[in-house]
Each structure stands twice: as structure tokens, then as C-alpha cells.
PDB file of N, CA and C in Angstrom:
ATOM      1  N   MET A   1       1.315  64.527 -30.002  1.00  0.00           N
ATOM      2  CA  MET A   1       1.999  65.807 -29.856  1.00  0.00           C
ATOM      3  C   MET A   1       0.972  66.926 -29.742  1.00  0.00           C
ATOM      4  N   ALA A   2       1.385  67.947 -29.038  1.00  0.00           N
ATOM      5  CA  ALA A   2       0.499  69.085 -28.841  1.00  0.00           C
ATOM      6  C   ALA A   2       0.523  69.992 -30.064  1.00  0.00           C
ATOM      7  N   LYS A   3      -0.321  70.984 -30.004  1.00  0.00           N
ATOM      8  CA  LYS A   3      -0.433  71.963 -31.087  1.00  0.00           C
ATOM      9  C   LYS A   3       0.945  72.537 -31.467  1.00  0.00           C
ATOM     10  N   GLY A   4       1.209  72.652 -32.742  1.00  0.00           N
ATOM     11  CA  GLY A   4       2.467  73.226 -33.228  1.00  0.00           C
ATOM     12  C   GLY A   4       3.595  72.224 -33.294  1.00  0.00           C
ATOM     13  N   GLY A   5       3.327  71.000 -32.913  1.00  0.00           N
ATOM     14  CA  GLY A   5       4.350  69.969 -33.021  1.00  0.00           C
ATOM     15  C   GLY A   5       5.382  69.989 -31.913  1.00  0.00           C
ATOM     16  N   PHE A   6       5.193  70.786 -30.849  1.00  0.00           N
ATOM     17  CA  PHE A   6       6.142  70.847 -29.743  1.00  0.00           C
ATOM     18  C   PHE A   6       5.516  70.215 -28.512  1.00  0.00           C
ATOM     19  N   PRO A   7       6.277  69.470 -27.733  1.00  0.00           N
ATOM     20  CA  PRO A   7       5.720  68.818 -26.542  1.00  0.00           C
ATOM     21  C   PRO A   7       5.239  69.846 -25.534  1.00  0.00           C
ATOM     22  N   GLY A   8       4.209  69.468 -24.791  1.00  0.00           N
ATOM     23  CA  GLY A   8       3.718  70.333 -23.719  1.00  0.00           C
ATOM     24  C   GLY A   8       2.983  71.567 -24.202  1.00  0.00           C
ATOM     25  N   GLY A   9       2.626  71.640 -25.444  1.00  0.00           N
ATOM     26  CA  GLY A   9       1.864  72.781 -25.945  1.00  0.00           C
ATOM     27  C   GLY A   9       2.688  74.041 -26.156  1.00  0.00           C
ATOM     28  N   MET A  10       4.010  73.939 -26.057  1.00  0.00           N
ATOM     29  CA  MET A  10       4.870  75.116 -26.239  1.00  0.00           C
ATOM     30  C   MET A  10       4.958  75.435 -27.734  1.00  0.00           C
ATOM     31  N   ASN A  11       4.709  76.671 -28.078  1.00  0.00           N
ATOM     32  CA  ASN A  11       4.809  77.031 -29.496  1.00  0.00           C
ATOM     33  C   ASN A  11       6.159  77.687 -29.789  1.00  0.00           C
ATOM     34  N   MET A  12       6.419  77.847 -31.047  1.00  0.00           N
ATOM     35  CA  MET A  12       7.713  78.365 -31.496  1.00  0.00           C
ATOM     36  C   MET A  12       7.965  79.771 -30.950  1.00  0.00           C
ATOM     37  N   GLN A  13       6.933  80.591 -30.878  1.00  0.00           N
ATOM     38  CA  GLN A  13       7.093  81.961 -30.378  1.00  0.00           C
ATOM     39  C   GLN A  13       7.564  81.949 -28.919  1.00  0.00           C
ATOM     40  N   ASN A  14       6.977  81.076 -28.104  1.00  0.00           N
ATOM     41  CA  ASN A  14       7.403  80.981 -26.706  1.00  0.00           C
ATOM     42  C   ASN A  14       8.836  80.494 -26.602  1.00  0.00           C
ATOM     43  N   MET A  15       9.193  79.528 -27.430  1.00  0.00           N
ATOM     44  CA  MET A  15      10.566  79.012 -27.415  1.00  0.00           C
ATOM     45  C   MET A  15      11.563  80.102 -27.802  1.00  0.00           C
ATOM     46  N   MET A  16      11.226  80.895 -28.793  1.00  0.00           N
ATOM     47  CA  MET A  16      12.122  81.975 -29.220  1.00  0.00           C
ATOM     48  C   MET A  16      12.270  83.023 -28.120  1.00  0.00           C
ATOM     49  N   ARG A  17      11.154  83.334 -27.449  1.00  0.00           N
ATOM     50  CA  ARG A  17      11.200  84.319 -26.367  1.00  0.00           C
ATOM     51  C   ARG A  17      12.092  83.806 -25.233  1.00  0.00           C
ATOM     52  N   GLN A  18      11.947  82.530 -24.893  1.00  0.00           N
ATOM     53  CA  GLN A  18      12.781  81.959 -23.837  1.00  0.00           C
ATOM     54  C   GLN A  18      14.254  81.944 -24.239  1.00  0.00           C
ATOM     55  N   ALA A  19      14.533  81.635 -25.495  1.00  0.00           N
ATOM     56  CA  ALA A  19      15.913  81.634 -25.981  1.00  0.00           C
ATOM     57  C   ALA A  19      16.511  83.034 -25.913  1.00  0.00           C
ATOM     58  N   GLN A  20      15.725  84.044 -26.263  1.00  0.00           N
ATOM     59  CA  GLN A  20      16.205  85.421 -26.203  1.00  0.00           C
ATOM     60  C   GLN A  20      16.467  85.848 -24.760  1.00  0.00           C
ATOM     61  N   GLN A  21      15.584  85.423 -23.851  1.00  0.00           N
ATOM     62  CA  GLN A  21      15.778  85.755 -22.438  1.00  0.00           C
ATOM     63  C   GLN A  21      17.044  85.095 -21.903  1.00  0.00           C
ATOM     64  N   MET A  22      17.259  83.834 -22.278  1.00  0.00           N
ATOM     65  CA  MET A  22      18.457  83.126 -21.839  1.00  0.00           C
ATOM     66  C   MET A  22      19.699  83.811 -22.396  1.00  0.00           C
ATOM     67  N   GLN A  23      19.649  84.213 -23.654  1.00  0.00           N
ATOM     68  CA  GLN A  23      20.800  84.874 -24.263  1.00  0.00           C
ATOM     69  C   GLN A  23      21.103  86.189 -23.550  1.00  0.00           C
ATOM     70  N   ALA A  24      20.066  86.962 -23.214  1.00  0.00           N
ATOM     71  CA  ALA A  24      20.276  88.229 -22.502  1.00  0.00           C
ATOM     72  C   ALA A  24      20.889  87.976 -21.133  1.00  0.00           C
ATOM     73  N   LYS A  25      20.413  86.960 -20.424  1.00  0.00           N
ATOM     74  CA  LYS A  25      20.977  86.629 -19.112  1.00  0.00           C
ATOM     75  C   LYS A  25      22.436  86.209 -19.243  1.00  0.00           C
ATOM     76  N   MET A  26      22.726  85.429 -20.275  1.00  0.00           N
ATOM     77  CA  MET A  26      24.092  84.972 -20.483  1.00  0.00           C
ATOM     78  C   MET A  26      25.021  86.142 -20.780  1.00  0.00           C
ATOM     79  N   GLN A  27      24.574  87.085 -21.591  1.00  0.00           N
ATOM     80  CA  GLN A  27      25.413  88.242 -21.917  1.00  0.00           C
ATOM     81  C   GLN A  27      25.674  89.091 -20.671  1.00  0.00           C
ATOM     82  N   GLN A  28      24.627  89.271 -19.853  1.00  0.00           N
ATOM     83  CA  GLN A  28      24.790  90.052 -18.629  1.00  0.00           C
ATOM     84  C   GLN A  28      25.743  89.340 -17.666  1.00  0.00           C
ATOM     85  N   MET A  29      25.551  88.038 -17.498  1.00  0.00           N
ATOM     86  CA  MET A  29      26.410  87.265 -16.604  1.00  0.00           C
ATOM     87  C   MET A  29      27.848  87.276 -17.102  1.00  0.00           C
ATOM     88  N   GLN A  30      28.044  87.143 -18.407  1.00  0.00           N
ATOM     89  CA  GLN A  30      29.400  87.136 -18.957  1.00  0.00           C
ATOM     90  C   GLN A  30      30.083  88.477 -18.684  1.00  0.00           C
ATOM     91  N   ALA A  31      29.363  89.569 -18.852  1.00  0.00           N
ATOM     92  CA  ALA A  31      29.940  90.889 -18.586  1.00  0.00           C
ATOM     93  C   ALA A  31      30.336  91.010 -17.118  1.00  0.00           C
ATOM     94  N   GLU A  32      29.490  90.500 -16.228  1.00  0.00           N
ATOM     95  CA  GLU A  32      29.807  90.553 -14.797  1.00  0.00           C
ATOM     96  C   GLU A  32      31.020  89.686 -14.470  1.00  0.00           C
ATOM     97  N   LEU A  33      31.066  88.499 -15.062  1.00  0.00           N
ATOM     98  CA  LEU A  33      32.172  87.583 -14.785  1.00  0.00           C
ATOM     99  C   LEU A  33      33.493  88.105 -15.322  1.00  0.00           C
ATOM    100  N   GLU A  34      33.449  88.844 -16.405  1.00  0.00           N
ATOM    101  CA  GLU A  34      34.683  89.389 -16.973  1.00  0.00           C
ATOM    102  C   GLU A  34      35.341  90.359 -16.011  1.00  0.00           C
ATOM    103  N   GLU A  35      34.543  90.957 -15.102  1.00  0.00           N
ATOM    104  CA  GLU A  35      35.084  91.903 -14.128  1.00  0.00           C
ATOM    105  C   GLU A  35      35.545  91.212 -12.843  1.00  0.00           C
ATOM    106  N   ARG A  36      35.054  89.999 -12.604  1.00  0.00           N
ATOM    107  CA  ARG A  36      35.455  89.266 -11.400  1.00  0.00           C
ATOM    108  C   ARG A  36      36.908  88.849 -11.497  1.00  0.00           C
ATOM    109  N   GLU A  37      37.507  88.611 -10.330  1.00  0.00           N
ATOM    110  CA  GLU A  37      38.913  88.235 -10.291  1.00  0.00           C
ATOM    111  C   GLU A  37      39.086  86.867  -9.665  1.00  0.00           C
ATOM    112  N   VAL A  38      40.102  86.160 -10.125  1.00  0.00           N
ATOM    113  CA  VAL A  38      40.521  84.904  -9.530  1.00  0.00           C
ATOM    114  C   VAL A  38      41.995  85.039  -9.180  1.00  0.00           C
ATOM    115  N   GLU A  39      42.421  84.241  -8.216  1.00  0.00           N
ATOM    116  CA  GLU A  39      43.802  84.317  -7.753  1.00  0.00           C
ATOM    117  C   GLU A  39      44.396  82.922  -7.729  1.00  0.00           C
ATOM    118  N   ALA A  40      45.668  82.836  -8.060  1.00  0.00           N
ATOM    119  CA  ALA A  40      46.388  81.569  -7.986  1.00  0.00           C
ATOM    120  C   ALA A  40      47.794  81.849  -7.461  1.00  0.00           C
ATOM    121  N   THR A  41      48.335  80.855  -6.772  1.00  0.00           N
ATOM    122  CA  THR A  41      49.697  80.998  -6.258  1.00  0.00           C
ATOM    123  C   THR A  41      50.521  79.776  -6.661  1.00  0.00           C
ATOM    124  N   ALA A  42      51.830  79.928  -6.550  1.00  0.00           N
ATOM    125  CA  ALA A  42      52.756  78.823  -6.815  1.00  0.00           C
ATOM    126  C   ALA A  42      53.913  78.947  -5.842  1.00  0.00           C
ATOM    127  N   GLY A  43      54.609  77.831  -5.640  1.00  0.00           N
ATOM    128  CA  GLY A  43      55.779  77.850  -4.762  1.00  0.00           C
ATOM    129  C   GLY A  43      55.426  78.160  -3.326  1.00  0.00           C
ATOM    130  N   GLY A  44      54.282  77.671  -2.881  1.00  0.00           N
ATOM    131  CA  GLY A  44      53.874  77.933  -1.500  1.00  0.00           C
ATOM    132  C   GLY A  44      53.471  79.377  -1.267  1.00  0.00           C
ATOM    133  N   GLY A  45      53.092  80.063  -2.329  1.00  0.00           N
ATOM    134  CA  GLY A  45      52.609  81.436  -2.199  1.00  0.00           C
ATOM    135  C   GLY A  45      53.640  82.506  -2.511  1.00  0.00           C
ATOM    136  N   VAL A  46      54.836  82.110  -2.935  1.00  0.00           N
ATOM    137  CA  VAL A  46      55.852  83.130  -3.230  1.00  0.00           C
ATOM    138  C   VAL A  46      55.577  83.849  -4.547  1.00  0.00           C
ATOM    139  N   VAL A  47      54.751  83.226  -5.407  1.00  0.00           N
ATOM    140  CA  VAL A  47      54.310  83.876  -6.638  1.00  0.00           C
ATOM    141  C   VAL A  47      52.788  83.890  -6.608  1.00  0.00           C
ATOM    142  N   ARG A  48      52.208  85.066  -6.797  1.00  0.00           N
ATOM    143  CA  ARG A  48      50.749  85.227  -6.749  1.00  0.00           C
ATOM    144  C   ARG A  48      50.298  85.948  -8.015  1.00  0.00           C
ATOM    145  N   VAL A  49      49.275  85.386  -8.687  1.00  0.00           N
ATOM    146  CA  VAL A  49      48.758  85.975  -9.919  1.00  0.00           C
ATOM    147  C   VAL A  49      47.271  86.233  -9.750  1.00  0.00           C
ATOM    148  N   VAL A  50      46.828  87.398 -10.192  1.00  0.00           N
ATOM    149  CA  VAL A  50      45.414  87.744 -10.197  1.00  0.00           C
ATOM    150  C   VAL A  50      44.999  87.958 -11.649  1.00  0.00           C
ATOM    151  N   ALA A  51      43.910  87.282 -12.046  1.00  0.00           N
ATOM    152  CA  ALA A  51      43.390  87.401 -13.410  1.00  0.00           C
ATOM    153  C   ALA A  51      41.899  87.715 -13.342  1.00  0.00           C
ATOM    154  N   THR A  52      41.384  88.273 -14.432  1.00  0.00           N
ATOM    155  CA  THR A  52      39.955  88.529 -14.516  1.00  0.00           C
ATOM    156  C   THR A  52      39.272  87.352 -15.206  1.00  0.00           C
ATOM    157  N   GLY A  53      37.941  87.350 -15.142  1.00  0.00           N
ATOM    158  CA  GLY A  53      37.174  86.336 -15.849  1.00  0.00           C
ATOM    159  C   GLY A  53      37.371  86.420 -17.352  1.00  0.00           C
ATOM    160  N   LYS A  54      37.866  87.537 -17.816  1.00  0.00           N
ATOM    161  CA  LYS A  54      38.141  87.734 -19.244  1.00  0.00           C
ATOM    162  C   LYS A  54      39.511  87.176 -19.614  1.00  0.00           C
ATOM    163  N   LYS A  55      40.150  86.543 -18.634  1.00  0.00           N
ATOM    164  CA  LYS A  55      41.478  85.942 -18.784  1.00  0.00           C
ATOM    165  C   LYS A  55      42.562  86.978 -19.079  1.00  0.00           C
ATOM    166  N   MET A  56      42.443  88.108 -18.421  1.00  0.00           N
ATOM    167  CA  MET A  56      43.473  89.142 -18.494  1.00  0.00           C
ATOM    168  C   MET A  56      44.209  89.133 -17.150  1.00  0.00           C
ATOM    169  N   ILE A  57      45.531  89.118 -17.192  1.00  0.00           N
ATOM    170  CA  ILE A  57      46.318  89.136 -15.963  1.00  0.00           C
ATOM    171  C   ILE A  57      46.312  90.563 -15.416  1.00  0.00           C
ATOM    172  N   LYS A  58      45.851  90.702 -14.167  1.00  0.00           N
ATOM    173  CA  LYS A  58      45.811  92.024 -13.539  1.00  0.00           C
ATOM    174  C   LYS A  58      47.076  92.318 -12.761  1.00  0.00           C
ATOM    175  N   SER A  59      47.608  91.279 -12.104  1.00  0.00           N
ATOM    176  CA  SER A  59      48.825  91.524 -11.338  1.00  0.00           C
ATOM    177  C   SER A  59      49.588  90.223 -11.125  1.00  0.00           C
ATOM    178  N   ILE A  60      50.887  90.387 -10.960  1.00  0.00           N
ATOM    179  CA  ILE A  60      51.767  89.297 -10.583  1.00  0.00           C
ATOM    180  C   ILE A  60      52.645  89.823  -9.449  1.00  0.00           C
ATOM    181  N   GLU A  61      52.573  89.128  -8.317  1.00  0.00           N
ATOM    182  CA  GLU A  61      53.402  89.503  -7.175  1.00  0.00           C
ATOM    183  C   GLU A  61      54.416  88.400  -6.941  1.00  0.00           C
ATOM    184  N   ILE A  62      55.668  88.783  -6.776  1.00  0.00           N
ATOM    185  CA  ILE A  62      56.739  87.825  -6.533  1.00  0.00           C
ATOM    186  C   ILE A  62      57.448  88.239  -5.245  1.00  0.00           C
ATOM    187  N   GLN A  63      57.413  87.361  -4.267  1.00  0.00           N
ATOM    188  CA  GLN A  63      58.099  87.643  -3.010  1.00  0.00           C
ATOM    189  C   GLN A  63      59.599  87.511  -3.209  1.00  0.00           C
ATOM    190  N   GLU A  64      60.326  88.285  -2.450  1.00  0.00           N
ATOM    191  CA  GLU A  64      61.781  88.316  -2.572  1.00  0.00           C
ATOM    192  C   GLU A  64      62.401  86.922  -2.397  1.00  0.00           C
ATOM    193  N   ALA A  65      61.764  86.096  -1.571  1.00  0.00           N
ATOM    194  CA  ALA A  65      62.291  84.743  -1.323  1.00  0.00           C
ATOM    195  C   ALA A  65      62.328  83.902  -2.594  1.00  0.00           C
ATOM    196  N   ALA A  66      61.524  84.250  -3.583  1.00  0.00           N
ATOM    197  CA  ALA A  66      61.465  83.484  -4.834  1.00  0.00           C
ATOM    198  C   ALA A  66      62.555  83.890  -5.814  1.00  0.00           C
ATOM    199  N   VAL A  67      63.228  84.993  -5.518  1.00  0.00           N
ATOM    200  CA  VAL A  67      64.225  85.513  -6.456  1.00  0.00           C
ATOM    201  C   VAL A  67      65.608  84.992  -6.081  1.00  0.00           C
ATOM    202  N   ASP A  68      66.072  84.053  -6.879  1.00  0.00           N
ATOM    203  CA  ASP A  68      67.402  83.477  -6.687  1.00  0.00           C
ATOM    204  C   ASP A  68      68.162  83.670  -8.000  1.00  0.00           C
ATOM    205  N   PRO A  69      69.148  84.573  -8.025  1.00  0.00           N
ATOM    206  CA  PRO A  69      69.881  84.826  -9.268  1.00  0.00           C
ATOM    207  C   PRO A  69      70.532  83.581  -9.854  1.00  0.00           C
ATOM    208  N   ASP A  70      70.758  82.580  -9.028  1.00  0.00           N
ATOM    209  CA  ASP A  70      71.384  81.353  -9.519  1.00  0.00           C
ATOM    210  C   ASP A  70      70.353  80.352 -10.049  1.00  0.00           C
ATOM    211  N   ASP A  71      69.080  80.664  -9.888  1.00  0.00           N
ATOM    212  CA  ASP A  71      68.041  79.735 -10.346  1.00  0.00           C
ATOM    213  C   ASP A  71      66.855  80.515 -10.936  1.00  0.00           C
ATOM    214  N   VAL A  72      67.118  81.263 -11.962  1.00  0.00           N
ATOM    215  CA  VAL A  72      66.083  82.058 -12.626  1.00  0.00           C
ATOM    216  C   VAL A  72      65.018  81.150 -13.244  1.00  0.00           C
ATOM    217  N   GLU A  73      65.440  79.977 -13.710  1.00  0.00           N
ATOM    218  CA  GLU A  73      64.488  79.051 -14.332  1.00  0.00           C
ATOM    219  C   GLU A  73      63.385  78.637 -13.365  1.00  0.00           C
ATOM    220  N   MET A  74      63.714  78.448 -12.092  1.00  0.00           N
ATOM    221  CA  MET A  74      62.692  78.072 -11.117  1.00  0.00           C
ATOM    222  C   MET A  74      61.652  79.183 -10.993  1.00  0.00           C
ATOM    223  N   LEU A  75      62.107  80.422 -10.931  1.00  0.00           N
ATOM    224  CA  LEU A  75      61.179  81.548 -10.833  1.00  0.00           C
ATOM    225  C   LEU A  75      60.293  81.621 -12.072  1.00  0.00           C
ATOM    226  N   GLN A  76      60.874  81.419 -13.231  1.00  0.00           N
ATOM    227  CA  GLN A  76      60.083  81.425 -14.465  1.00  0.00           C
ATOM    228  C   GLN A  76      59.020  80.332 -14.422  1.00  0.00           C
ATOM    229  N   ASP A  77      59.398  79.140 -13.951  1.00  0.00           N
ATOM    230  CA  ASP A  77      58.441  78.035 -13.848  1.00  0.00           C
ATOM    231  C   ASP A  77      57.321  78.353 -12.869  1.00  0.00           C
ATOM    232  N   LEU A  78      57.656  78.995 -11.752  1.00  0.00           N
ATOM    233  CA  LEU A  78      56.636  79.362 -10.763  1.00  0.00           C
ATOM    234  C   LEU A  78      55.650  80.370 -11.353  1.00  0.00           C
ATOM    235  N   VAL A  79      56.168  81.343 -12.089  1.00  0.00           N
ATOM    236  CA  VAL A  79      55.291  82.343 -12.709  1.00  0.00           C
ATOM    237  C   VAL A  79      54.378  81.675 -13.734  1.00  0.00           C
ATOM    238  N   ILE A  80      54.931  80.815 -14.557  1.00  0.00           N
ATOM    239  CA  ILE A  80      54.124  80.103 -15.560  1.00  0.00           C
ATOM    240  C   ILE A  80      53.043  79.270 -14.875  1.00  0.00           C
ATOM    241  N   ALA A  81      53.411  78.562 -13.825  1.00  0.00           N
ATOM    242  CA  ALA A  81      52.446  77.712 -13.114  1.00  0.00           C
ATOM    243  C   ALA A  81      51.317  78.546 -12.527  1.00  0.00           C
ATOM    244  N   ALA A  82      51.653  79.663 -11.900  1.00  0.00           N
ATOM    245  CA  ALA A  82      50.628  80.505 -11.288  1.00  0.00           C
ATOM    246  C   ALA A  82      49.724  81.138 -12.340  1.00  0.00           C
ATOM    247  N   VAL A  83      50.295  81.593 -13.447  1.00  0.00           N
ATOM    248  CA  VAL A  83      49.500  82.190 -14.529  1.00  0.00           C
ATOM    249  C   VAL A  83      48.548  81.150 -15.118  1.00  0.00           C
ATOM    250  N   ASN A  84      49.061  79.959 -15.409  1.00  0.00           N
ATOM    251  CA  ASN A  84      48.220  78.920 -15.985  1.00  0.00           C
ATOM    252  C   ASN A  84      47.089  78.524 -15.038  1.00  0.00           C
ATOM    253  N   GLU A  85      47.384  78.442 -13.742  1.00  0.00           N
ATOM    254  CA  GLU A  85      46.347  78.103 -12.772  1.00  0.00           C
ATOM    255  C   GLU A  85      45.291  79.208 -12.700  1.00  0.00           C
ATOM    256  N   ALA A  86      45.719  80.461 -12.728  1.00  0.00           N
ATOM    257  CA  ALA A  86      44.767  81.578 -12.683  1.00  0.00           C
ATOM    258  C   ALA A  86      43.862  81.558 -13.915  1.00  0.00           C
ATOM    259  N   LEU A  87      44.423  81.299 -15.085  1.00  0.00           N
ATOM    260  CA  LEU A  87      43.614  81.250 -16.304  1.00  0.00           C
ATOM    261  C   LEU A  87      42.640  80.076 -16.270  1.00  0.00           C
ATOM    262  N   ALA A  88      43.084  78.938 -15.726  1.00  0.00           N
ATOM    263  CA  ALA A  88      42.196  77.783 -15.595  1.00  0.00           C
ATOM    264  C   ALA A  88      41.059  78.095 -14.627  1.00  0.00           C
ATOM    265  N   LYS A  89      41.362  78.795 -13.537  1.00  0.00           N
ATOM    266  CA  LYS A  89      40.312  79.179 -12.576  1.00  0.00           C
ATOM    267  C   LYS A  89      39.316  80.134 -13.223  1.00  0.00           C
ATOM    268  N   ALA A  90      39.798  81.033 -14.065  1.00  0.00           N
ATOM    269  CA  ALA A  90      38.894  81.956 -14.757  1.00  0.00           C
ATOM    270  C   ALA A  90      37.939  81.183 -15.661  1.00  0.00           C
ATOM    271  N   ASP A  91      38.473  80.189 -16.381  1.00  0.00           N
ATOM    272  CA  ASP A  91      37.633  79.333 -17.232  1.00  0.00           C
ATOM    273  C   ASP A  91      36.602  78.587 -16.409  1.00  0.00           C
ATOM    274  N   GLU A  92      37.041  77.991 -15.311  1.00  0.00           N
ATOM    275  CA  GLU A  92      36.137  77.227 -14.453  1.00  0.00           C
ATOM    276  C   GLU A  92      35.022  78.108 -13.908  1.00  0.00           C
ATOM    277  N   MET A  93      35.379  79.325 -13.481  1.00  0.00           N
ATOM    278  CA  MET A  93      34.386  80.252 -12.944  1.00  0.00           C
ATOM    279  C   MET A  93      33.354  80.582 -14.012  1.00  0.00           C
ATOM    280  N   MET A  94      33.815  80.884 -15.210  1.00  0.00           N
ATOM    281  CA  MET A  94      32.914  81.249 -16.299  1.00  0.00           C
ATOM    282  C   MET A  94      31.969  80.089 -16.623  1.00  0.00           C
ATOM    283  N   GLN A  95      32.514  78.880 -16.746  1.00  0.00           N
ATOM    284  CA  GLN A  95      31.698  77.724 -17.094  1.00  0.00           C
ATOM    285  C   GLN A  95      30.697  77.395 -15.993  1.00  0.00           C
ATOM    286  N   ALA A  96      31.117  77.494 -14.740  1.00  0.00           N
ATOM    287  CA  ALA A  96      30.219  77.179 -13.629  1.00  0.00           C
ATOM    288  C   ALA A  96      29.052  78.162 -13.576  1.00  0.00           C
ATOM    289  N   GLU A  97      29.342  79.439 -13.726  1.00  0.00           N
ATOM    290  CA  GLU A  97      28.283  80.445 -13.646  1.00  0.00           C
ATOM    291  C   GLU A  97      27.355  80.382 -14.853  1.00  0.00           C
ATOM    292  N   MET A  98      27.924  80.181 -16.032  1.00  0.00           N
ATOM    293  CA  MET A  98      27.089  80.078 -17.226  1.00  0.00           C
ATOM    294  C   MET A  98      26.242  78.806 -17.183  1.00  0.00           C
ATOM    295  N   GLY A  99      26.791  77.751 -16.584  1.00  0.00           N
ATOM    296  CA  GLY A  99      26.042  76.507 -16.446  1.00  0.00           C
ATOM    297  C   GLY A  99      24.787  76.686 -15.609  1.00  0.00           C
ATOM    298  N   LYS A 100      24.811  77.626 -14.676  1.00  0.00           N
ATOM    299  CA  LYS A 100      23.627  77.912 -13.863  1.00  0.00           C
ATOM    300  C   LYS A 100      22.496  78.467 -14.729  1.00  0.00           C
ATOM    301  N   ILE A 101      22.847  79.227 -15.748  1.00  0.00           N
ATOM    302  CA  ILE A 101      21.841  79.821 -16.627  1.00  0.00           C
ATOM    303  C   ILE A 101      21.353  78.813 -17.654  1.00  0.00           C
ATOM    304  N   THR A 102      22.285  78.061 -18.223  1.00  0.00           N
ATOM    305  CA  THR A 102      21.926  77.157 -19.318  1.00  0.00           C
ATOM    306  C   THR A 102      21.425  75.812 -18.816  1.00  0.00           C
ATOM    307  N   GLY A 103      21.461  75.609 -17.500  1.00  0.00           N
ATOM    308  CA  GLY A 103      21.013  74.338 -16.966  1.00  0.00           C
ATOM    309  C   GLY A 103      21.932  73.199 -17.343  1.00  0.00           C
ATOM    310  N   GLY A 104      23.199  73.514 -17.592  1.00  0.00           N
ATOM    311  CA  GLY A 104      24.173  72.486 -17.918  1.00  0.00           C
ATOM    312  C   GLY A 104      24.204  72.099 -19.387  1.00  0.00           C
ATOM    313  N   MET A 105      23.396  72.772 -20.230  1.00  0.00           N
ATOM    314  CA  MET A 105      23.430  72.451 -21.659  1.00  0.00           C
ATOM    315  C   MET A 105      24.778  72.829 -22.230  1.00  0.00           C
ATOM    316  N   ASN A 106      25.309  72.011 -23.085  1.00  0.00           N
ATOM    317  CA  ASN A 106      26.555  72.333 -23.770  1.00  0.00           C
ATOM    318  C   ASN A 106      26.209  73.146 -25.007  1.00  0.00           C
ATOM    319  N   LEU A 107      26.589  74.392 -25.016  1.00  0.00           N
ATOM    320  CA  LEU A 107      26.244  75.274 -26.129  1.00  0.00           C
ATOM    321  C   LEU A 107      27.409  75.429 -27.104  1.00  0.00           C
ATOM    322  N   GLY A 108      28.328  74.493 -27.080  1.00  0.00           N
ATOM    323  CA  GLY A 108      29.363  74.431 -28.105  1.00  0.00           C
ATOM    324  C   GLY A 108      30.296  75.616 -28.161  1.00  0.00           C
ATOM    325  N   GLY A 109      30.801  76.076 -27.022  1.00  0.00           N
ATOM    326  CA  GLY A 109      31.805  77.138 -27.032  1.00  0.00           C
ATOM    327  C   GLY A 109      31.278  78.504 -27.386  1.00  0.00           C
ATOM    328  N   LEU A 110      30.035  78.804 -27.023  1.00  0.00           N
ATOM    329  CA  LEU A 110      29.493  80.130 -27.326  1.00  0.00           C
ATOM    330  C   LEU A 110      30.136  81.201 -26.480  1.00  0.00           C
ATOM    331  N   PHE A 111      30.795  80.784 -25.380  1.00  0.00           N
ATOM    332  CA  PHE A 111      31.467  81.773 -24.520  1.00  0.00           C
ATOM    333  C   PHE A 111      32.751  81.220 -24.039  1.00  0.00           C
TER     334      PHE A 111
END
């Protein structure tokens, strides 16, 4: 083993500096991703949901064709499906972008 007990001659101070740099990059990326938007649709596009990376719903658009007074349950299901898909896309976006910084390391739900 190299000096300091770390492989490749890396000392604890360098490791801490790299960890701090990674943390700063992650915080900046997370802030940027929270402002990004994802979109999901259901029912062939009659229900459209836009969410942010922070998993906040920004808008829900429902086309008139989706509104059937005799089948309100279908419309409710379409809205739920579109919202859930938008939230899943927000999660996927966050994980994919953060994975670029962490090199795929699993950091145990830090974000």
C-alpha cells in the first residue's frame, strides 16, 4: 500500500476534497434538475401532465374528448396514470443525471 494506507498514493485530504467537489456538483445539478420539466400523457394524449424534477405537478391538460359524464372513472384513471408516469419520469431523470456525477455509485437515497 502507498503512503497513508490508500491505494495509488491518494491521501485522506485529497479524498475529502474530491468528495466535497462531488457534493457541490451534485447540489448544483439537483437544483438545475428541480427546474427541468417532464411530460407524460395517457389515453392516447387526451390527458397530459407536466411535472418538475422536484416532482411538483405544473399542469394537467384534459382534452374535451376525455370528458364523458357517464364515465368519470375512466377520466380519473387517465389522470392518475399520467401523473404517475410524469413522477416516474422525474425520478428517472434525476437518477440518470446524478449517476453521471457519481459514476453510478449507489449513495443510498441521498437525493
